[in-house]
Amino acid sequence: MKTYTITVNGNVYNVTVEEGQTSGAPAAAPVAAPAPKAAPAAPAPKAAAPKAAAGAVAVTASVPGKVFKVEASVGQAVKAGDPIVILEAMKMEIPVVAPQDGTVASIDVAVGAAVESGDSLATLN
């Protein structure tokens, strides 16, 4: 009998194998455990998207999702808490609101666009 130590998905197993064969099937050769995988490389940082008409205050997505509706338009005066864009995430509509009073300087997304958390949706002056 031979004893092997095998690691599978981080779990260690001690396996005992009988030598010799009783059937007509050939004996399986021991298989070497695969080398551990290297840690995945960190993703490259995203390049900042150019802003059409850069405003002083960025309005960003709080969650990844899809742009469901654009509530404001360029040049429109908004107050803190007014909805700028509505995102759809996990079958919910999530309003993205103005963080402060101002005027919409740019709308950086279109209806149906996929956005990630932190992506710029609009800017305010």
C-alpha atoms as a PDB file:
ATOM      1  CA  MET A   1       0.000   0.000   0.000  1.00  0.00           C
ATOM      2  CA  LYS A   2       1.104   3.525  -0.774  1.00  0.00           C
ATOM      3  CA  THR A   3      -0.064   6.689   0.927  1.00  0.00           C
ATOM      4  CA  TYR A   4      -0.354   9.962  -0.956  1.00  0.00           C
ATOM      5  CA  THR A   5      -1.143  13.436   0.317  1.00  0.00           C
ATOM      6  CA  ILE A   6      -3.343  15.302  -2.148  1.00  0.00           C
ATOM      7  CA  THR A   7      -4.528  18.913  -1.979  1.00  0.00           C
ATOM      8  CA  VAL A   8      -7.760  19.810  -3.779  1.00  0.00           C
ATOM      9  CA  ASN A   9      -9.126  23.367  -3.626  1.00  0.00           C
ATOM     10  CA  GLY A  10      -7.063  24.046  -0.525  1.00  0.00           C
ATOM     11  CA  ASN A  11      -8.259  20.900   1.297  1.00  0.00           C
ATOM     12  CA  VAL A  12      -5.607  18.288   2.158  1.00  0.00           C
ATOM     13  CA  TYR A  13      -6.518  14.603   1.766  1.00  0.00           C
ATOM     14  CA  ASN A  14      -4.443  11.555   2.726  1.00  0.00           C
ATOM     15  CA  VAL A  15      -5.163   8.753   0.265  1.00  0.00           C
ATOM     16  CA  THR A  16      -4.049   5.155   0.612  1.00  0.00           C
ATOM     17  CA  VAL A  17      -3.823   3.106  -2.577  1.00  0.00           C
ATOM     18  CA  GLU A  18      -3.427  -0.661  -2.716  1.00  0.00           C
ATOM     19  CA  GLU A  19      -0.577  -1.927  -4.842  1.00  0.00           C
ATOM     20  CA  GLY A  20      -1.283  -4.666  -7.332  1.00  0.00           C
ATOM     21  CA  GLN A  21      -4.330  -5.248  -9.362  1.00  0.00           C
ATOM     22  CA  THR A  22      -7.053  -7.810  -9.126  1.00  0.00           C
ATOM     23  CA  SER A  23      -8.849  -6.991 -12.348  1.00  0.00           C
ATOM     24  CA  GLY A  24      -7.682  -6.812 -15.929  1.00  0.00           C
ATOM     25  CA  ALA A  25      -7.776  -2.986 -15.904  1.00  0.00           C
ATOM     26  CA  PRO A  26      -4.428  -1.227 -15.996  1.00  0.00           C
ATOM     27  CA  ALA A  27      -3.353   0.538 -12.813  1.00  0.00           C
ATOM     28  CA  ALA A  28      -3.728   4.300 -12.909  1.00  0.00           C
ATOM     29  CA  ALA A  29      -0.520   6.230 -12.582  1.00  0.00           C
ATOM     30  CA  PRO A  30      -0.473   8.754  -9.744  1.00  0.00           C
ATOM     31  CA  VAL A  31      -1.361  12.203 -10.993  1.00  0.00           C
ATOM     32  CA  ALA A  32       0.602  15.177  -9.733  1.00  0.00           C
ATOM     33  CA  ALA A  33      -1.466  17.852  -8.031  1.00  0.00           C
ATOM     34  CA  PRO A  34      -1.835  20.975 -10.145  1.00  0.00           C
ATOM     35  CA  ALA A  35       0.376  23.878  -9.206  1.00  0.00           C
ATOM     36  CA  PRO A  36      -1.391  26.491  -7.106  1.00  0.00           C
ATOM     37  CA  LYS A  37      -2.771  29.330  -9.165  1.00  0.00           C
ATOM     38  CA  ALA A  38      -1.179  32.743  -8.816  1.00  0.00           C
ATOM     39  CA  ALA A  39      -3.282  35.451  -7.254  1.00  0.00           C
ATOM     40  CA  PRO A  40      -5.252  37.316  -9.930  1.00  0.00           C
ATOM     41  CA  ALA A  41      -3.636  40.536 -11.015  1.00  0.00           C
ATOM     42  CA  ALA A  42      -5.321  43.725  -9.928  1.00  0.00           C
ATOM     43  CA  PRO A  43      -7.411  45.214 -12.740  1.00  0.00           C
ATOM     44  CA  ALA A  44      -5.931  48.195 -14.490  1.00  0.00           C
ATOM     45  CA  PRO A  45      -7.421  51.472 -13.279  1.00  0.00           C
ATOM     46  CA  LYS A  46     -10.040  52.971 -15.565  1.00  0.00           C
ATOM     47  CA  ALA A  47      -9.095  56.033 -17.496  1.00  0.00           C
ATOM     48  CA  ALA A  48     -11.184  59.025 -16.516  1.00  0.00           C
ATOM     49  CA  ALA A  49     -13.908  59.745 -19.037  1.00  0.00           C
ATOM     50  CA  PRO A  50     -13.591  63.130 -20.675  1.00  0.00           C
ATOM     51  CA  LYS A  51     -16.275  65.534 -19.548  1.00  0.00           C
ATOM     52  CA  ALA A  52     -18.194  67.407 -22.218  1.00  0.00           C
ATOM     53  CA  ALA A  53     -18.659  70.620 -20.253  1.00  0.00           C
ATOM     54  CA  ALA A  54     -16.905  70.051 -16.970  1.00  0.00           C
ATOM     55  CA  GLY A  55     -18.863  71.415 -14.053  1.00  0.00           C
ATOM     56  CA  ALA A  56     -17.537  71.978 -10.555  1.00  0.00           C
ATOM     57  CA  VAL A  57     -19.605  69.205  -8.921  1.00  0.00           C
ATOM     58  CA  ALA A  58     -19.703  65.644 -10.249  1.00  0.00           C
ATOM     59  CA  VAL A  59     -22.868  63.562  -9.888  1.00  0.00           C
ATOM     60  CA  THR A  60     -21.822  59.888  -9.813  1.00  0.00           C
ATOM     61  CA  ALA A  61     -23.551  56.514  -9.826  1.00  0.00           C
ATOM     62  CA  SER A  62     -23.891  54.990  -6.371  1.00  0.00           C
ATOM     63  CA  VAL A  63     -24.546  51.481  -7.741  1.00  0.00           C
ATOM     64  CA  PRO A  64     -23.836  49.598 -10.962  1.00  0.00           C
ATOM     65  CA  GLY A  65     -26.843  49.405 -13.236  1.00  0.00           C
ATOM     66  CA  LYS A  66     -28.528  50.775 -16.341  1.00  0.00           C
ATOM     67  CA  VAL A  67     -29.700  54.330 -16.990  1.00  0.00           C
ATOM     68  CA  PHE A  68     -33.494  54.083 -16.866  1.00  0.00           C
ATOM     69  CA  LYS A  69     -34.419  57.767 -17.255  1.00  0.00           C
ATOM     70  CA  VAL A  70     -32.721  61.178 -17.405  1.00  0.00           C
ATOM     71  CA  GLU A  71     -34.782  63.599 -15.287  1.00  0.00           C
ATOM     72  CA  ALA A  72     -32.787  66.832 -15.756  1.00  0.00           C
ATOM     73  CA  SER A  73     -31.490  68.654 -18.801  1.00  0.00           C
ATOM     74  CA  VAL A  74     -28.406  70.774 -19.424  1.00  0.00           C
ATOM     75  CA  GLY A  75     -28.942  74.331 -18.180  1.00  0.00           C
ATOM     76  CA  GLN A  76     -31.725  73.356 -15.777  1.00  0.00           C
ATOM     77  CA  ALA A  77     -31.514  74.787 -12.248  1.00  0.00           C
ATOM     78  CA  VAL A  78     -31.747  72.087  -9.564  1.00  0.00           C
ATOM     79  CA  LYS A  79     -31.922  72.114  -5.791  1.00  0.00           C
ATOM     80  CA  ALA A  80     -30.205  69.648  -3.455  1.00  0.00           C
ATOM     81  CA  GLY A  81     -32.181  66.394  -3.539  1.00  0.00           C
ATOM     82  CA  ASP A  82     -33.749  66.924  -6.977  1.00  0.00           C
ATOM     83  CA  PRO A  83     -33.460  63.797  -9.164  1.00  0.00           C
ATOM     84  CA  ILE A  84     -30.962  64.054 -12.029  1.00  0.00           C
ATOM     85  CA  VAL A  85     -30.917  60.461 -13.345  1.00  0.00           C
ATOM     86  CA  ILE A  86     -32.871  57.293 -12.486  1.00  0.00           C
ATOM     87  CA  LEU A  87     -30.826  54.075 -12.494  1.00  0.00           C
ATOM     88  CA  GLU A  88     -32.244  50.576 -12.735  1.00  0.00           C
ATOM     89  CA  ALA A  89     -30.395  48.009 -10.631  1.00  0.00           C
ATOM     90  CA  MET A  90     -31.685  44.602  -9.509  1.00  0.00           C
ATOM     91  CA  LYS A  91     -35.157  45.478 -10.874  1.00  0.00           C
ATOM     92  CA  MET A  92     -35.354  48.599  -8.688  1.00  0.00           C
ATOM     93  CA  GLU A  93     -35.434  52.221  -9.777  1.00  0.00           C
ATOM     94  CA  ILE A  94     -32.813  54.217  -7.872  1.00  0.00           C
ATOM     95  CA  PRO A  95     -32.866  58.014  -8.154  1.00  0.00           C
ATOM     96  CA  VAL A  96     -29.508  59.798  -8.315  1.00  0.00           C
ATOM     97  CA  VAL A  97     -30.075  63.245  -6.840  1.00  0.00           C
ATOM     98  CA  ALA A  98     -28.257  66.580  -6.926  1.00  0.00           C
ATOM     99  CA  PRO A  99     -25.842  66.800  -3.988  1.00  0.00           C
ATOM    100  CA  GLN A 100     -26.298  70.597  -3.793  1.00  0.00           C
ATOM    101  CA  ASP A 101     -28.095  73.497  -5.456  1.00  0.00           C
ATOM    102  CA  GLY A 102     -26.780  74.406  -8.887  1.00  0.00           C
ATOM    103  CA  THR A 103     -27.236  74.323 -12.632  1.00  0.00           C
ATOM    104  CA  VAL A 104     -26.788  71.170 -14.698  1.00  0.00           C
ATOM    105  CA  ALA A 105     -23.585  71.695 -16.718  1.00  0.00           C
ATOM    106  CA  SER A 106     -23.568  68.340 -18.510  1.00  0.00           C
ATOM    107  CA  ILE A 107     -25.383  65.031 -18.738  1.00  0.00           C
ATOM    108  CA  ASP A 108     -22.715  62.376 -19.372  1.00  0.00           C
ATOM    109  CA  VAL A 109     -24.967  59.336 -20.005  1.00  0.00           C
ATOM    110  CA  ALA A 110     -27.867  58.304 -22.211  1.00  0.00           C
ATOM    111  CA  VAL A 111     -30.926  56.175 -21.488  1.00  0.00           C
ATOM    112  CA  GLY A 112     -30.020  52.479 -21.698  1.00  0.00           C
ATOM    113  CA  ALA A 113     -26.311  52.993 -20.949  1.00  0.00           C
ATOM    114  CA  ALA A 114     -24.683  50.595 -18.498  1.00  0.00           C
ATOM    115  CA  VAL A 115     -22.846  52.320 -15.651  1.00  0.00           C
ATOM    116  CA  GLU A 116     -20.577  51.152 -12.858  1.00  0.00           C
ATOM    117  CA  SER A 117     -20.476  52.454  -9.315  1.00  0.00           C
ATOM    118  CA  GLY A 118     -18.602  55.771  -9.297  1.00  0.00           C
ATOM    119  CA  ASP A 119     -19.105  56.546 -12.994  1.00  0.00           C
ATOM    120  CA  SER A 120     -19.888  60.190 -13.763  1.00  0.00           C
ATOM    121  CA  LEU A 121     -23.538  60.711 -14.719  1.00  0.00           C
ATOM    122  CA  ALA A 122     -23.676  64.519 -14.800  1.00  0.00           C
ATOM    123  CA  THR A 123     -21.940  67.661 -13.579  1.00  0.00           C
ATOM    124  CA  LEU A 124     -23.302  70.747 -11.873  1.00  0.00           C
ATOM    125  CA  ASN A 125     -22.074  74.349 -11.705  1.00  0.00           C
END
